[in-house]
Amino acid sequence: MDYSATDLCKIRAALELVSSKERAKAQTAMKFVLSSDRVASVLSGCRSLAQLKENIATSYAPSLSLDEIEIINKVLFKQIYRQHR
């Protein structure tokens, strides 16, 4: 990926802005990815039982509104896959 440290800070700030008591940042990120018609599933990692439970709870977390999706889209730029094995 070609995101700089500054880009990642902007993305994190957008996730924090859009997240809430009902939806953690990791859940917001997963919901954002799943909001695309091109995505059928998300593979997420976890290092603890608490993270696993949070990932599972994403199914029950509120979906993102169009305004929330737009907030995140404004700080992202398209990543183009440039090289194949």
N, C-alpha and C. Protein backbone atom coordinates (compact mmCIF):
# COMPACT_ATOMS: atom_id res chain seq x y z
N MET A 1 0.84 -1.17 0.00
CA MET A 1 0.00 0.00 0.00
C MET A 1 0.89 1.24 0.00
N ASP A 2 0.38 2.27 -0.56
CA ASP A 2 1.16 3.50 -0.69
C ASP A 2 0.72 4.60 0.26
N TYR A 3 0.17 4.25 1.41
CA TYR A 3 -0.27 5.25 2.37
C TYR A 3 0.91 5.71 3.22
N SER A 4 1.08 7.01 3.35
CA SER A 4 2.13 7.56 4.21
C SER A 4 1.63 7.60 5.66
N ALA A 5 2.53 7.93 6.57
CA ALA A 5 2.15 8.06 7.97
C ALA A 5 1.09 9.15 8.14
N THR A 6 1.22 10.22 7.39
CA THR A 6 0.24 11.31 7.43
C THR A 6 -1.12 10.84 6.93
N ASP A 7 -1.11 10.07 5.84
CA ASP A 7 -2.36 9.52 5.30
C ASP A 7 -3.04 8.63 6.34
N LEU A 8 -2.26 7.79 7.00
CA LEU A 8 -2.82 6.88 8.01
C LEU A 8 -3.40 7.65 9.19
N CYS A 9 -2.77 8.76 9.57
CA CYS A 9 -3.32 9.59 10.65
C CYS A 9 -4.67 10.18 10.25
N LYS A 10 -4.79 10.61 8.99
CA LYS A 10 -6.05 11.17 8.50
C LYS A 10 -7.14 10.10 8.48
N ILE A 11 -6.77 8.89 8.05
CA ILE A 11 -7.74 7.80 8.02
C ILE A 11 -8.19 7.45 9.43
N ARG A 12 -7.23 7.38 10.35
CA ARG A 12 -7.58 7.07 11.75
C ARG A 12 -8.51 8.13 12.33
N ALA A 13 -8.23 9.41 12.03
CA ALA A 13 -9.08 10.49 12.53
C ALA A 13 -10.50 10.37 11.98
N ALA A 14 -10.62 10.00 10.70
CA ALA A 14 -11.94 9.82 10.09
C ALA A 14 -12.68 8.67 10.76
N LEU A 15 -11.97 7.57 11.03
CA LEU A 15 -12.60 6.43 11.71
C LEU A 15 -13.05 6.80 13.11
N GLU A 16 -12.24 7.59 13.82
CA GLU A 16 -12.62 8.03 15.17
C GLU A 16 -13.84 8.94 15.12
N LEU A 17 -13.91 9.80 14.10
CA LEU A 17 -15.04 10.71 13.95
C LEU A 17 -16.33 9.95 13.70
N VAL A 18 -16.25 8.92 12.90
CA VAL A 18 -17.44 8.18 12.48
C VAL A 18 -17.84 7.11 13.50
N SER A 19 -16.90 6.64 14.30
CA SER A 19 -17.20 5.61 15.29
C SER A 19 -18.02 6.18 16.44
N SER A 20 -18.63 5.28 17.22
CA SER A 20 -19.50 5.71 18.30
C SER A 20 -19.49 4.68 19.41
N LYS A 21 -20.34 4.90 20.41
CA LYS A 21 -20.48 3.90 21.48
C LYS A 21 -21.00 2.58 20.92
N GLU A 22 -21.83 2.67 19.90
CA GLU A 22 -22.45 1.47 19.33
C GLU A 22 -21.56 0.77 18.30
N ARG A 23 -20.47 1.45 17.87
CA ARG A 23 -19.62 0.87 16.82
C ARG A 23 -18.17 1.30 17.05
N ALA A 24 -17.31 0.35 17.40
CA ALA A 24 -15.89 0.63 17.65
C ALA A 24 -15.18 0.95 16.33
N LYS A 25 -13.96 1.48 16.43
CA LYS A 25 -13.20 1.85 15.23
C LYS A 25 -12.97 0.66 14.30
N ALA A 26 -12.59 -0.48 14.87
CA ALA A 26 -12.37 -1.67 14.03
C ALA A 26 -13.66 -2.09 13.33
N GLN A 27 -14.77 -1.98 14.04
CA GLN A 27 -16.07 -2.32 13.45
C GLN A 27 -16.42 -1.32 12.35
N THR A 28 -16.12 -0.05 12.59
CA THR A 28 -16.37 0.98 11.57
C THR A 28 -15.57 0.67 10.31
N ALA A 29 -14.30 0.30 10.48
CA ALA A 29 -13.46 -0.02 9.33
C ALA A 29 -14.02 -1.21 8.56
N MET A 30 -14.44 -2.25 9.28
CA MET A 30 -15.01 -3.42 8.60
C MET A 30 -16.32 -3.09 7.91
N LYS A 31 -17.17 -2.31 8.58
CA LYS A 31 -18.44 -1.91 7.97
C LYS A 31 -18.19 -1.07 6.71
N PHE A 32 -17.15 -0.22 6.75
CA PHE A 32 -16.82 0.60 5.59
C PHE A 32 -16.43 -0.28 4.41
N VAL A 33 -15.55 -1.23 4.64
CA VAL A 33 -15.12 -2.13 3.57
C VAL A 33 -16.31 -2.91 3.02
N LEU A 34 -17.16 -3.39 3.92
CA LEU A 34 -18.33 -4.17 3.50
C LEU A 34 -19.40 -3.33 2.82
N SER A 35 -19.31 -2.01 2.93
CA SER A 35 -20.31 -1.14 2.29
C SER A 35 -20.14 -1.11 0.77
N SER A 36 -19.00 -1.58 0.28
CA SER A 36 -18.75 -1.62 -1.16
C SER A 36 -19.43 -2.83 -1.77
N ASP A 37 -20.08 -2.62 -2.91
CA ASP A 37 -20.72 -3.73 -3.62
C ASP A 37 -19.70 -4.76 -4.12
N ARG A 38 -18.44 -4.35 -4.21
CA ARG A 38 -17.40 -5.23 -4.72
C ARG A 38 -16.85 -6.19 -3.67
N VAL A 39 -17.26 -6.02 -2.43
CA VAL A 39 -16.72 -6.82 -1.33
C VAL A 39 -17.79 -7.74 -0.78
N ALA A 40 -17.45 -9.03 -0.69
CA ALA A 40 -18.41 -10.01 -0.16
C ALA A 40 -18.10 -10.39 1.28
N SER A 41 -16.82 -10.32 1.65
CA SER A 41 -16.44 -10.68 3.02
C SER A 41 -15.15 -9.96 3.41
N VAL A 42 -14.91 -9.91 4.70
CA VAL A 42 -13.71 -9.28 5.24
C VAL A 42 -13.00 -10.30 6.12
N LEU A 43 -11.71 -10.44 5.90
CA LEU A 43 -10.90 -11.28 6.77
C LEU A 43 -10.19 -10.37 7.75
N SER A 44 -10.40 -10.61 9.02
CA SER A 44 -9.78 -9.76 10.02
C SER A 44 -8.94 -10.60 10.96
N GLY A 45 -7.90 -10.00 11.46
CA GLY A 45 -7.05 -10.68 12.42
C GLY A 45 -7.41 -10.26 13.82
N CYS A 46 -6.96 -11.04 14.77
CA CYS A 46 -7.16 -10.67 16.17
C CYS A 46 -6.07 -11.32 17.00
N ARG A 47 -5.73 -10.66 18.08
CA ARG A 47 -4.68 -11.16 18.97
C ARG A 47 -5.22 -11.57 20.33
N SER A 48 -6.48 -11.35 20.54
CA SER A 48 -7.04 -11.69 21.85
C SER A 48 -8.50 -12.12 21.68
N LEU A 49 -9.00 -12.74 22.71
CA LEU A 49 -10.40 -13.14 22.70
C LEU A 49 -11.31 -11.92 22.62
N ALA A 50 -10.92 -10.83 23.27
CA ALA A 50 -11.72 -9.60 23.23
C ALA A 50 -11.81 -9.07 21.80
N GLN A 51 -10.70 -9.09 21.06
CA GLN A 51 -10.74 -8.63 19.67
C GLN A 51 -11.60 -9.56 18.81
N LEU A 52 -11.53 -10.84 19.05
CA LEU A 52 -12.36 -11.79 18.32
C LEU A 52 -13.83 -11.50 18.57
N LYS A 53 -14.20 -11.28 19.82
CA LYS A 53 -15.59 -10.97 20.16
C LYS A 53 -16.04 -9.68 19.50
N GLU A 54 -15.15 -8.67 19.48
CA GLU A 54 -15.50 -7.40 18.83
C GLU A 54 -15.71 -7.60 17.33
N ASN A 55 -14.85 -8.41 16.71
CA ASN A 55 -15.00 -8.68 15.28
C ASN A 55 -16.32 -9.38 15.00
N ILE A 56 -16.68 -10.35 15.82
CA ILE A 56 -17.95 -11.06 15.64
C ILE A 56 -19.12 -10.11 15.83
N ALA A 57 -19.01 -9.22 16.81
CA ALA A 57 -20.09 -8.26 17.10
C ALA A 57 -20.30 -7.26 15.97
N THR A 58 -19.35 -7.17 15.04
CA THR A 58 -19.50 -6.25 13.90
C THR A 58 -20.78 -6.55 13.13
N SER A 59 -21.17 -7.80 13.08
CA SER A 59 -22.41 -8.17 12.37
C SER A 59 -23.63 -7.46 12.94
N TYR A 60 -23.58 -7.15 14.23
CA TYR A 60 -24.72 -6.53 14.90
C TYR A 60 -24.56 -5.02 15.08
N ALA A 61 -23.39 -4.50 14.74
CA ALA A 61 -23.14 -3.06 14.87
C ALA A 61 -23.92 -2.30 13.80
N PRO A 62 -24.28 -1.04 14.09
CA PRO A 62 -25.03 -0.26 13.11
C PRO A 62 -24.24 -0.06 11.81
N SER A 63 -24.94 -0.09 10.70
CA SER A 63 -24.31 0.18 9.40
C SER A 63 -23.91 1.64 9.32
N LEU A 64 -23.02 1.94 8.41
CA LEU A 64 -22.61 3.33 8.20
C LEU A 64 -23.64 4.05 7.34
N SER A 65 -23.87 5.29 7.65
CA SER A 65 -24.75 6.12 6.81
C SER A 65 -23.96 6.56 5.58
N LEU A 66 -24.65 7.07 4.58
CA LEU A 66 -23.97 7.58 3.39
C LEU A 66 -23.03 8.73 3.75
N ASP A 67 -23.43 9.56 4.71
CA ASP A 67 -22.57 10.67 5.15
C ASP A 67 -21.29 10.13 5.81
N GLU A 68 -21.41 9.09 6.62
CA GLU A 68 -20.24 8.51 7.28
C GLU A 68 -19.30 7.88 6.25
N ILE A 69 -19.85 7.20 5.27
CA ILE A 69 -19.04 6.61 4.21
C ILE A 69 -18.30 7.71 3.46
N GLU A 70 -18.96 8.81 3.19
CA GLU A 70 -18.34 9.93 2.48
C GLU A 70 -17.19 10.54 3.28
N ILE A 71 -17.34 10.65 4.60
CA ILE A 71 -16.28 11.19 5.46
C ILE A 71 -15.01 10.35 5.30
N ILE A 72 -15.16 9.04 5.31
CA ILE A 72 -14.00 8.16 5.17
C ILE A 72 -13.46 8.22 3.75
N ASN A 73 -14.34 8.21 2.76
CA ASN A 73 -13.89 8.27 1.36
C ASN A 73 -13.07 9.52 1.07
N LYS A 74 -13.38 10.62 1.73
CA LYS A 74 -12.66 11.88 1.48
C LYS A 74 -11.18 11.80 1.85
N VAL A 75 -10.82 10.94 2.81
CA VAL A 75 -9.42 10.84 3.21
C VAL A 75 -8.69 9.67 2.56
N LEU A 76 -9.41 8.82 1.86
CA LEU A 76 -8.79 7.70 1.16
C LEU A 76 -8.50 8.08 -0.28
N PHE A 77 -7.49 7.47 -0.83
CA PHE A 77 -7.29 7.56 -2.27
C PHE A 77 -7.21 6.14 -2.78
N LYS A 78 -7.56 5.97 -4.03
CA LYS A 78 -7.64 4.63 -4.58
C LYS A 78 -6.26 4.00 -4.63
N GLN A 79 -6.20 2.74 -4.22
CA GLN A 79 -4.98 1.95 -4.31
C GLN A 79 -5.10 1.07 -5.54
N ILE A 80 -4.12 1.15 -6.41
CA ILE A 80 -4.14 0.36 -7.63
C ILE A 80 -3.07 -0.72 -7.51
N TYR A 81 -3.51 -1.93 -7.69
CA TYR A 81 -2.59 -3.06 -7.62
C TYR A 81 -1.68 -3.00 -8.85
N ARG A 82 -0.39 -2.87 -8.63
CA ARG A 82 0.54 -2.62 -9.73
C ARG A 82 1.38 -3.84 -10.13
N GLN A 83 1.51 -4.79 -9.24
CA GLN A 83 2.43 -5.89 -9.53
C GLN A 83 1.79 -7.22 -9.16
N HIS A 84 1.99 -8.18 -9.99
CA HIS A 84 1.49 -9.51 -9.71
C HIS A 84 2.68 -10.44 -9.61
N ARG A 85 2.51 -11.47 -8.82
CA ARG A 85 3.62 -12.42 -8.64
C ARG A 85 4.20 -12.75 -9.94
